[in-house]
Amino acid sequence: MPTRLEDMSIAGAYMRVAVYYVRHVEPAALPALAELGIGKSDDELPERVPVPNVLRFFELAAELTQDPLFGLHFGSHVRLDDFPGYGLLMASCGTFRSVLEQSMRFEGLCQDFGHSEIEVISGQLHYRMRLHFDDSPAGLHHLECATAAGTRSSMNWLTRVPLSKKIAKVTFRGEQPSGTDLKEYERILGAQVSFGGKTTEARFPSVFLDMPLPGGNFTLFSELRKLAQRQLDQFIASQEP
């Protein structure tokens, strides 16, 4: 895996939702798309976008729209088919446990700036994002918010049952950014939100792990997993010197 921030990247296919969001919801942020390699409306997204460019995109977009929670609002528009190579695979999983396992296995197809992990403690599932860098560059909180909101949106679609603030909690790293409203975090994430964690993590009852999902399809899952594995193997091979 890359060890320098400038060598880390996010799949261009994942960032296409940023193009949609800016053009249709927050057009004031159109100049920020240049950080993603987007100029005219008919431009194609690059295959991979460097993480520093994505962080600058979030910072500039937040400034242009005067929205200190731009990342949170952007992330709420992420859907399963925005996860390149494995979004449909997750949609075919039979349980939420399987969804998390596939997400952790294939998340490299989407990004390489961090990895997710799960741990069950006293009946609570802790789902964490571990970053592969230690500093906190500008735009990072927007990226973490977008990841959290996209995860919540996808989870609600998979289960067809929105999580309740009574059972779900989200903790962000560090302090709450100035000028932001905790109630807005909770409205978008559908969970109790706090700050001060060493990592960004979501917690909810572990019984959700083995809850059957309405879209589960073992035959489709098996074929899509093979396809995702081939794509991951090809991507890893392409990154070798």
C-alpha atoms as a PDB file:
ATOM      1  CA  MET A   1       0.000   0.000   0.000  1.00  0.00           C
ATOM      2  CA  PRO A   2       1.179   3.598  -0.564  1.00  0.00           C
ATOM      3  CA  THR A   3       2.925   5.220   2.397  1.00  0.00           C
ATOM      4  CA  ARG A   4       2.854   8.847   1.219  1.00  0.00           C
ATOM      5  CA  LEU A   5      -0.344  10.868   1.012  1.00  0.00           C
ATOM      6  CA  GLU A   6       0.541  12.141  -2.461  1.00  0.00           C
ATOM      7  CA  ASP A   7       0.708   8.551  -3.733  1.00  0.00           C
ATOM      8  CA  MET A   8      -2.752   7.622  -2.439  1.00  0.00           C
ATOM      9  CA  SER A   9      -5.817   7.836  -4.649  1.00  0.00           C
ATOM     10  CA  ILE A  10      -9.566   7.412  -4.970  1.00  0.00           C
ATOM     11  CA  ALA A  11     -11.265   5.777  -7.954  1.00  0.00           C
ATOM     12  CA  GLY A  12     -12.569   8.287 -10.470  1.00  0.00           C
ATOM     13  CA  ALA A  13     -15.737   6.211 -10.787  1.00  0.00           C
ATOM     14  CA  TYR A  14     -16.445   6.817  -7.098  1.00  0.00           C
ATOM     15  CA  MET A  15     -15.978  10.566  -7.483  1.00  0.00           C
ATOM     16  CA  ARG A  16     -18.576  10.737 -10.274  1.00  0.00           C
ATOM     17  CA  VAL A  17     -21.153  11.309  -7.555  1.00  0.00           C
ATOM     18  CA  ALA A  18     -19.262  14.513  -6.746  1.00  0.00           C
ATOM     19  CA  VAL A  19     -19.815  15.680 -10.316  1.00  0.00           C
ATOM     20  CA  TYR A  20     -23.533  14.936 -10.081  1.00  0.00           C
ATOM     21  CA  TYR A  21     -23.869  16.561  -6.661  1.00  0.00           C
ATOM     22  CA  VAL A  22     -22.068  19.754  -7.649  1.00  0.00           C
ATOM     23  CA  ARG A  23     -23.802  20.170 -10.991  1.00  0.00           C
ATOM     24  CA  HIS A  24     -27.311  19.391  -9.806  1.00  0.00           C
ATOM     25  CA  VAL A  25     -27.352  20.311  -6.098  1.00  0.00           C
ATOM     26  CA  GLU A  26     -24.501  22.766  -5.447  1.00  0.00           C
ATOM     27  CA  PRO A  27     -23.586  24.434  -8.770  1.00  0.00           C
ATOM     28  CA  ALA A  28     -21.797  27.194  -6.871  1.00  0.00           C
ATOM     29  CA  ALA A  29     -19.027  24.639  -6.328  1.00  0.00           C
ATOM     30  CA  LEU A  30     -18.433  23.998 -10.044  1.00  0.00           C
ATOM     31  CA  PRO A  31     -14.919  25.547 -10.002  1.00  0.00           C
ATOM     32  CA  ALA A  32     -13.910  22.963  -7.367  1.00  0.00           C
ATOM     33  CA  LEU A  33     -14.348  20.151  -9.903  1.00  0.00           C
ATOM     34  CA  ALA A  34     -11.084  21.230 -11.528  1.00  0.00           C
ATOM     35  CA  GLU A  35      -9.299  19.623  -8.551  1.00  0.00           C
ATOM     36  CA  LEU A  36     -10.757  16.281  -9.672  1.00  0.00           C
ATOM     37  CA  GLY A  37      -9.568  16.761 -13.242  1.00  0.00           C
ATOM     38  CA  ILE A  38     -12.975  17.932 -14.453  1.00  0.00           C
ATOM     39  CA  GLY A  39     -13.409  21.003 -16.609  1.00  0.00           C
ATOM     40  CA  LYS A  40     -16.118  21.051 -19.256  1.00  0.00           C
ATOM     41  CA  SER A  41     -19.322  19.111 -18.753  1.00  0.00           C
ATOM     42  CA  ASP A  42     -18.338  16.413 -21.238  1.00  0.00           C
ATOM     43  CA  ASP A  43     -14.978  15.687 -19.608  1.00  0.00           C
ATOM     44  CA  GLU A  44     -14.309  12.152 -18.377  1.00  0.00           C
ATOM     45  CA  LEU A  45     -13.160  11.500 -14.837  1.00  0.00           C
ATOM     46  CA  PRO A  46      -9.600  10.159 -14.600  1.00  0.00           C
ATOM     47  CA  GLU A  47      -9.247   6.511 -13.608  1.00  0.00           C
ATOM     48  CA  ARG A  48      -7.807   7.508 -10.218  1.00  0.00           C
ATOM     49  CA  VAL A  49      -7.798  10.887  -8.459  1.00  0.00           C
ATOM     50  CA  PRO A  50      -4.933  11.671  -6.041  1.00  0.00           C
ATOM     51  CA  VAL A  51      -6.149  11.997  -2.449  1.00  0.00           C
ATOM     52  CA  PRO A  52      -4.600  15.499  -2.035  1.00  0.00           C
ATOM     53  CA  ASN A  53      -6.722  16.651  -4.990  1.00  0.00           C
ATOM     54  CA  VAL A  54      -9.853  15.198  -3.400  1.00  0.00           C
ATOM     55  CA  LEU A  55      -9.102  16.937  -0.100  1.00  0.00           C
ATOM     56  CA  ARG A  56      -8.586  20.266  -1.911  1.00  0.00           C
ATOM     57  CA  PHE A  57     -11.850  19.683  -3.786  1.00  0.00           C
ATOM     58  CA  PHE A  58     -13.758  19.356  -0.520  1.00  0.00           C
ATOM     59  CA  GLU A  59     -12.125  22.417   1.008  1.00  0.00           C
ATOM     60  CA  LEU A  60     -12.771  24.597  -2.039  1.00  0.00           C
ATOM     61  CA  ALA A  61     -16.321  23.299  -2.490  1.00  0.00           C
ATOM     62  CA  ALA A  62     -17.122  24.020   1.168  1.00  0.00           C
ATOM     63  CA  GLU A  63     -15.739  27.532   0.782  1.00  0.00           C
ATOM     64  CA  LEU A  64     -17.614  28.242  -2.455  1.00  0.00           C
ATOM     65  CA  THR A  65     -20.936  26.986  -1.094  1.00  0.00           C
ATOM     66  CA  GLN A  66     -20.377  28.391   2.413  1.00  0.00           C
ATOM     67  CA  ASP A  67     -21.290  24.947   3.724  1.00  0.00           C
ATOM     68  CA  PRO A  68     -19.009  23.770   6.553  1.00  0.00           C
ATOM     69  CA  LEU A  69     -20.676  20.336   6.262  1.00  0.00           C
ATOM     70  CA  PHE A  70     -20.268  19.966   2.513  1.00  0.00           C
ATOM     71  CA  GLY A  71     -18.702  16.512   2.896  1.00  0.00           C
ATOM     72  CA  LEU A  72     -21.577  15.293   5.040  1.00  0.00           C
ATOM     73  CA  HIS A  73     -24.187  16.530   2.559  1.00  0.00           C
ATOM     74  CA  PHE A  74     -22.227  15.208  -0.413  1.00  0.00           C
ATOM     75  CA  GLY A  75     -21.888  11.767   1.195  1.00  0.00           C
ATOM     76  CA  SER A  76     -25.628  11.419   1.702  1.00  0.00           C
ATOM     77  CA  HIS A  77     -25.959  11.167  -2.090  1.00  0.00           C
ATOM     78  CA  VAL A  78     -23.585   8.187  -2.404  1.00  0.00           C
ATOM     79  CA  ARG A  79     -25.264   4.945  -3.478  1.00  0.00           C
ATOM     80  CA  LEU A  80     -24.109   1.341  -3.753  1.00  0.00           C
ATOM     81  CA  ASP A  81     -23.482   1.560  -7.489  1.00  0.00           C
ATOM     82  CA  ASP A  82     -20.971   4.344  -6.822  1.00  0.00           C
ATOM     83  CA  PHE A  83     -18.571   1.785  -5.313  1.00  0.00           C
ATOM     84  CA  PRO A  84     -16.590   0.652  -8.381  1.00  0.00           C
ATOM     85  CA  GLY A  85     -16.208  -3.075  -8.857  1.00  0.00           C
ATOM     86  CA  TYR A  86     -18.059  -4.241  -5.755  1.00  0.00           C
ATOM     87  CA  GLY A  87     -21.168  -2.116  -5.188  1.00  0.00           C
ATOM     88  CA  LEU A  88     -23.455  -4.635  -6.873  1.00  0.00           C
ATOM     89  CA  LEU A  89     -21.657  -7.426  -5.019  1.00  0.00           C
ATOM     90  CA  MET A  90     -22.637  -5.861  -1.700  1.00  0.00           C
ATOM     91  CA  ALA A  91     -26.208  -5.499  -2.947  1.00  0.00           C
ATOM     92  CA  SER A  92     -26.369  -9.266  -3.524  1.00  0.00           C
ATOM     93  CA  CYS A  93     -25.095 -10.224  -0.043  1.00  0.00           C
ATOM     94  CA  GLY A  94     -27.355 -12.310   2.171  1.00  0.00           C
ATOM     95  CA  THR A  95     -26.380 -10.714   5.501  1.00  0.00           C
ATOM     96  CA  PHE A  96     -24.883  -7.473   6.717  1.00  0.00           C
ATOM     97  CA  ARG A  97     -21.866  -9.444   7.952  1.00  0.00           C
ATOM     98  CA  SER A  98     -21.201 -10.479   4.368  1.00  0.00           C
ATOM     99  CA  VAL A  99     -21.573  -6.857   3.224  1.00  0.00           C
ATOM    100  CA  LEU A 100     -18.873  -5.731   5.653  1.00  0.00           C
ATOM    101  CA  GLU A 101     -16.591  -8.620   4.698  1.00  0.00           C
ATOM    102  CA  GLN A 102     -16.837  -7.781   0.986  1.00  0.00           C
ATOM    103  CA  SER A 103     -16.397  -4.079   1.669  1.00  0.00           C
ATOM    104  CA  MET A 104     -13.203  -4.690   3.647  1.00  0.00           C
ATOM    105  CA  ARG A 105     -11.873  -7.113   1.045  1.00  0.00           C
ATOM    106  CA  PHE A 106     -12.469  -4.964  -2.022  1.00  0.00           C
ATOM    107  CA  GLU A 107     -12.290  -1.393  -0.727  1.00  0.00           C
ATOM    108  CA  GLY A 108      -8.916  -1.025  -2.462  1.00  0.00           C
ATOM    109  CA  LEU A 109     -10.838  -0.802  -5.736  1.00  0.00           C
ATOM    110  CA  CYS A 110     -12.339   2.428  -4.402  1.00  0.00           C
ATOM    111  CA  GLN A 111      -9.504   3.954  -2.364  1.00  0.00           C
ATOM    112  CA  ASP A 112      -6.156   3.220  -0.755  1.00  0.00           C
ATOM    113  CA  PHE A 113      -5.948   6.004   1.849  1.00  0.00           C
ATOM    114  CA  GLY A 114      -7.220   3.772   4.642  1.00  0.00           C
ATOM    115  CA  HIS A 115      -8.866   0.516   5.538  1.00  0.00           C
ATOM    116  CA  SER A 116     -11.942  -0.464   7.527  1.00  0.00           C
ATOM    117  CA  GLU A 117     -12.139  -3.009  10.299  1.00  0.00           C
ATOM    118  CA  ILE A 118     -14.801  -4.459  12.577  1.00  0.00           C
ATOM    119  CA  GLU A 119     -14.751  -5.595  16.194  1.00  0.00           C
ATOM    120  CA  VAL A 120     -17.568  -6.869  18.400  1.00  0.00           C
ATOM    121  CA  ILE A 121     -17.377  -5.680  22.024  1.00  0.00           C
ATOM    122  CA  SER A 122     -20.096  -6.496  24.561  1.00  0.00           C
ATOM    123  CA  GLY A 123     -22.777  -6.964  21.930  1.00  0.00           C
ATOM    124  CA  GLN A 124     -21.806  -3.816  20.010  1.00  0.00           C
ATOM    125  CA  LEU A 125     -20.326  -3.832  16.509  1.00  0.00           C
ATOM    126  CA  HIS A 126     -17.537  -1.263  16.106  1.00  0.00           C
ATOM    127  CA  TYR A 127     -16.906  -0.401  12.433  1.00  0.00           C
ATOM    128  CA  ARG A 128     -13.745   1.720  12.126  1.00  0.00           C
ATOM    129  CA  MET A 129     -11.829   3.539   9.416  1.00  0.00           C
ATOM    130  CA  ARG A 130      -8.060   3.404   9.906  1.00  0.00           C
ATOM    131  CA  LEU A 131      -6.105   5.968   7.873  1.00  0.00           C
ATOM    132  CA  HIS A 132      -2.737   5.179   6.337  1.00  0.00           C
ATOM    133  CA  PHE A 133      -1.348   8.596   7.278  1.00  0.00           C
ATOM    134  CA  ASP A 134      -1.038  10.349  10.620  1.00  0.00           C
ATOM    135  CA  ASP A 135      -1.444  14.036   9.812  1.00  0.00           C
ATOM    136  CA  SER A 136      -4.735  15.874   9.358  1.00  0.00           C
ATOM    137  CA  PRO A 137      -4.601  17.770   6.060  1.00  0.00           C
ATOM    138  CA  ALA A 138      -7.287  20.231   5.063  1.00  0.00           C
ATOM    139  CA  GLY A 139     -10.412  18.580   3.758  1.00  0.00           C
ATOM    140  CA  LEU A 140      -9.926  15.368   5.738  1.00  0.00           C
ATOM    141  CA  HIS A 141     -12.991  15.864   7.923  1.00  0.00           C
ATOM    142  CA  HIS A 142     -15.116  16.380   4.795  1.00  0.00           C
ATOM    143  CA  LEU A 143     -13.789  13.099   3.415  1.00  0.00           C
ATOM    144  CA  GLU A 144     -14.519  11.241   6.639  1.00  0.00           C
ATOM    145  CA  CYS A 145     -18.015  12.748   6.786  1.00  0.00           C
ATOM    146  CA  ALA A 146     -18.665  11.733   3.185  1.00  0.00           C
ATOM    147  CA  THR A 147     -17.509   8.189   3.975  1.00  0.00           C
ATOM    148  CA  ALA A 148     -19.749   7.988   7.056  1.00  0.00           C
ATOM    149  CA  ALA A 149     -22.793   9.412   5.255  1.00  0.00           C
ATOM    150  CA  GLY A 150     -22.271   7.159   2.240  1.00  0.00           C
ATOM    151  CA  THR A 151     -21.997   4.116   4.506  1.00  0.00           C
ATOM    152  CA  ARG A 152     -25.191   5.053   6.304  1.00  0.00           C
ATOM    153  CA  SER A 153     -27.056   5.648   3.040  1.00  0.00           C
ATOM    154  CA  SER A 154     -25.926   2.295   1.646  1.00  0.00           C
ATOM    155  CA  MET A 155     -26.772   0.461   4.869  1.00  0.00           C
ATOM    156  CA  ASN A 156     -30.287   1.887   4.908  1.00  0.00           C
ATOM    157  CA  TRP A 157     -30.816   0.785   1.304  1.00  0.00           C
ATOM    158  CA  LEU A 158     -29.532  -2.729   2.013  1.00  0.00           C
ATOM    159  CA  THR A 159     -31.609  -3.328   5.122  1.00  0.00           C
ATOM    160  CA  ARG A 160     -34.648  -1.259   4.051  1.00  0.00           C
ATOM    161  CA  VAL A 161     -34.781  -0.271   7.736  1.00  0.00           C
ATOM    162  CA  PRO A 162     -33.186   3.094   8.647  1.00  0.00           C
ATOM    163  CA  LEU A 163     -31.060   2.963  11.782  1.00  0.00           C
ATOM    164  CA  SER A 164     -32.368   4.806  14.821  1.00  0.00           C
ATOM    165  CA  LYS A 165     -30.422   7.259  16.945  1.00  0.00           C
ATOM    166  CA  LYS A 166     -31.523   5.127  19.892  1.00  0.00           C
ATOM    167  CA  ILE A 167     -29.194   2.301  18.835  1.00  0.00           C
ATOM    168  CA  ALA A 168     -26.602   3.747  16.458  1.00  0.00           C
ATOM    169  CA  LYS A 169     -23.617   5.937  17.369  1.00  0.00           C
ATOM    170  CA  VAL A 170     -20.924   7.601  15.270  1.00  0.00           C
ATOM    171  CA  THR A 171     -17.708   9.033  16.706  1.00  0.00           C
ATOM    172  CA  PHE A 172     -15.382  11.245  14.674  1.00  0.00           C
ATOM    173  CA  ARG A 173     -11.684  11.779  15.255  1.00  0.00           C
ATOM    174  CA  GLY A 174     -10.585  14.994  16.912  1.00  0.00           C
ATOM    175  CA  GLU A 175     -12.662  18.011  17.796  1.00  0.00           C
ATOM    176  CA  GLN A 176     -15.893  19.150  16.193  1.00  0.00           C
ATOM    177  CA  PRO A 177     -15.117  21.755  13.493  1.00  0.00           C
ATOM    178  CA  SER A 178     -16.161  25.276  14.407  1.00  0.00           C
ATOM    179  CA  GLY A 179     -19.321  26.548  12.788  1.00  0.00           C
ATOM    180  CA  THR A 180     -20.929  23.098  12.494  1.00  0.00           C
ATOM    181  CA  ASP A 181     -24.192  21.922  14.046  1.00  0.00           C
ATOM    182  CA  LEU A 182     -24.206  18.580  15.860  1.00  0.00           C
ATOM    183  CA  LYS A 183     -27.919  18.189  15.122  1.00  0.00           C
ATOM    184  CA  GLU A 184     -27.201  18.287  11.397  1.00  0.00           C
ATOM    185  CA  TYR A 185     -24.643  15.496  11.736  1.00  0.00           C
ATOM    186  CA  GLU A 186     -27.266  13.439  13.560  1.00  0.00           C
ATOM    187  CA  ARG A 187     -29.987  14.229  11.009  1.00  0.00           C
ATOM    188  CA  ILE A 188     -27.867  13.039   8.090  1.00  0.00           C
ATOM    189  CA  LEU A 189     -26.271  10.047   9.825  1.00  0.00           C
ATOM    190  CA  GLY A 190     -29.376   8.935  11.719  1.00  0.00           C
ATOM    191  CA  ALA A 191     -27.228   8.268  14.772  1.00  0.00           C
ATOM    192  CA  GLN A 192     -25.935   9.806  17.968  1.00  0.00           C
ATOM    193  CA  VAL A 193     -22.797  11.752  17.034  1.00  0.00           C
ATOM    194  CA  SER A 194     -19.818  12.678  19.184  1.00  0.00           C
ATOM    195  CA  PHE A 195     -16.229  13.813  18.698  1.00  0.00           C
ATOM    196  CA  GLY A 196     -12.902  13.111  20.357  1.00  0.00           C
ATOM    197  CA  GLY A 197     -12.254   9.572  19.101  1.00  0.00           C
ATOM    198  CA  LYS A 198      -8.867   8.232  18.038  1.00  0.00           C
ATOM    199  CA  THR A 199     -10.534   6.895  14.908  1.00  0.00           C
ATOM    200  CA  THR A 200     -13.791   7.539  13.100  1.00  0.00           C
ATOM    201  CA  GLU A 201     -16.162   4.693  13.870  1.00  0.00           C
ATOM    202  CA  ALA A 202     -19.803   3.651  13.846  1.00  0.00           C
ATOM    203  CA  ARG A 203     -21.352   1.453  16.540  1.00  0.00           C
ATOM    204  CA  PHE A 204     -24.604  -0.472  16.574  1.00  0.00           C
ATOM    205  CA  PRO A 205     -25.935  -3.758  17.994  1.00  0.00           C
ATOM    206  CA  SER A 206     -24.043  -6.785  16.685  1.00  0.00           C
ATOM    207  CA  VAL A 207     -27.345  -8.599  16.016  1.00  0.00           C
ATOM    208  CA  PHE A 208     -27.429  -6.631  12.766  1.00  0.00           C
ATOM    209  CA  LEU A 209     -24.498  -8.708  11.496  1.00  0.00           C
ATOM    210  CA  ASP A 210     -26.568 -11.801  10.750  1.00  0.00           C
ATOM    211  CA  MET A 211     -29.814 -10.102   9.832  1.00  0.00           C
ATOM    212  CA  PRO A 212     -31.034 -11.468   6.460  1.00  0.00           C
ATOM    213  CA  LEU A 213     -31.027  -8.852   3.704  1.00  0.00           C
ATOM    214  CA  PRO A 214     -33.960  -8.652   1.260  1.00  0.00           C
ATOM    215  CA  GLY A 215     -31.678  -8.380  -1.780  1.00  0.00           C
ATOM    216  CA  GLY A 216     -29.607 -11.475  -1.009  1.00  0.00           C
ATOM    217  CA  ASN A 217     -28.917 -13.660  -4.056  1.00  0.00           C
ATOM    218  CA  PHE A 218     -26.279 -16.374  -3.614  1.00  0.00           C
ATOM    219  CA  THR A 219     -25.916 -17.208  -7.322  1.00  0.00           C
ATOM    220  CA  LEU A 220     -25.433 -13.581  -8.278  1.00  0.00           C
ATOM    221  CA  PHE A 221     -23.180 -13.036  -5.273  1.00  0.00           C
ATOM    222  CA  SER A 222     -20.880 -15.879  -6.320  1.00  0.00           C
ATOM    223  CA  GLU A 223     -20.410 -14.553  -9.861  1.00  0.00           C
ATOM    224  CA  LEU A 224     -19.997 -10.922  -8.801  1.00  0.00           C
ATOM    225  CA  ARG A 225     -17.420 -11.894  -6.195  1.00  0.00           C
ATOM    226  CA  LYS A 226     -15.331 -13.662  -8.837  1.00  0.00           C
ATOM    227  CA  LEU A 227     -15.519 -10.570 -11.023  1.00  0.00           C
ATOM    228  CA  ALA A 228     -14.556  -8.260  -8.146  1.00  0.00           C
ATOM    229  CA  GLN A 229     -11.607 -10.513  -7.277  1.00  0.00           C
ATOM    230  CA  ARG A 230     -10.331 -10.405 -10.868  1.00  0.00           C
ATOM    231  CA  GLN A 231     -10.586  -6.629 -10.877  1.00  0.00           C
ATOM    232  CA  LEU A 232      -8.771  -6.391  -7.554  1.00  0.00           C
ATOM    233  CA  ASP A 233      -5.990  -8.718  -8.750  1.00  0.00           C
ATOM    234  CA  GLN A 234      -5.599  -6.645 -11.916  1.00  0.00           C
ATOM    235  CA  PHE A 235      -5.493  -3.409  -9.932  1.00  0.00           C
ATOM    236  CA  ILE A 236      -2.870  -4.748  -7.509  1.00  0.00           C
ATOM    237  CA  ALA A 237      -0.756  -5.973 -10.420  1.00  0.00           C
ATOM    238  CA  SER A 238      -0.997  -2.561 -12.093  1.00  0.00           C
ATOM    239  CA  GLN A 239       0.389  -0.883  -8.951  1.00  0.00           C
ATOM    240  CA  GLU A 240       3.506  -3.036  -8.803  1.00  0.00           C
ATOM    241  CA  PRO A 241       6.715  -1.304  -9.936  1.00  0.00           C
END
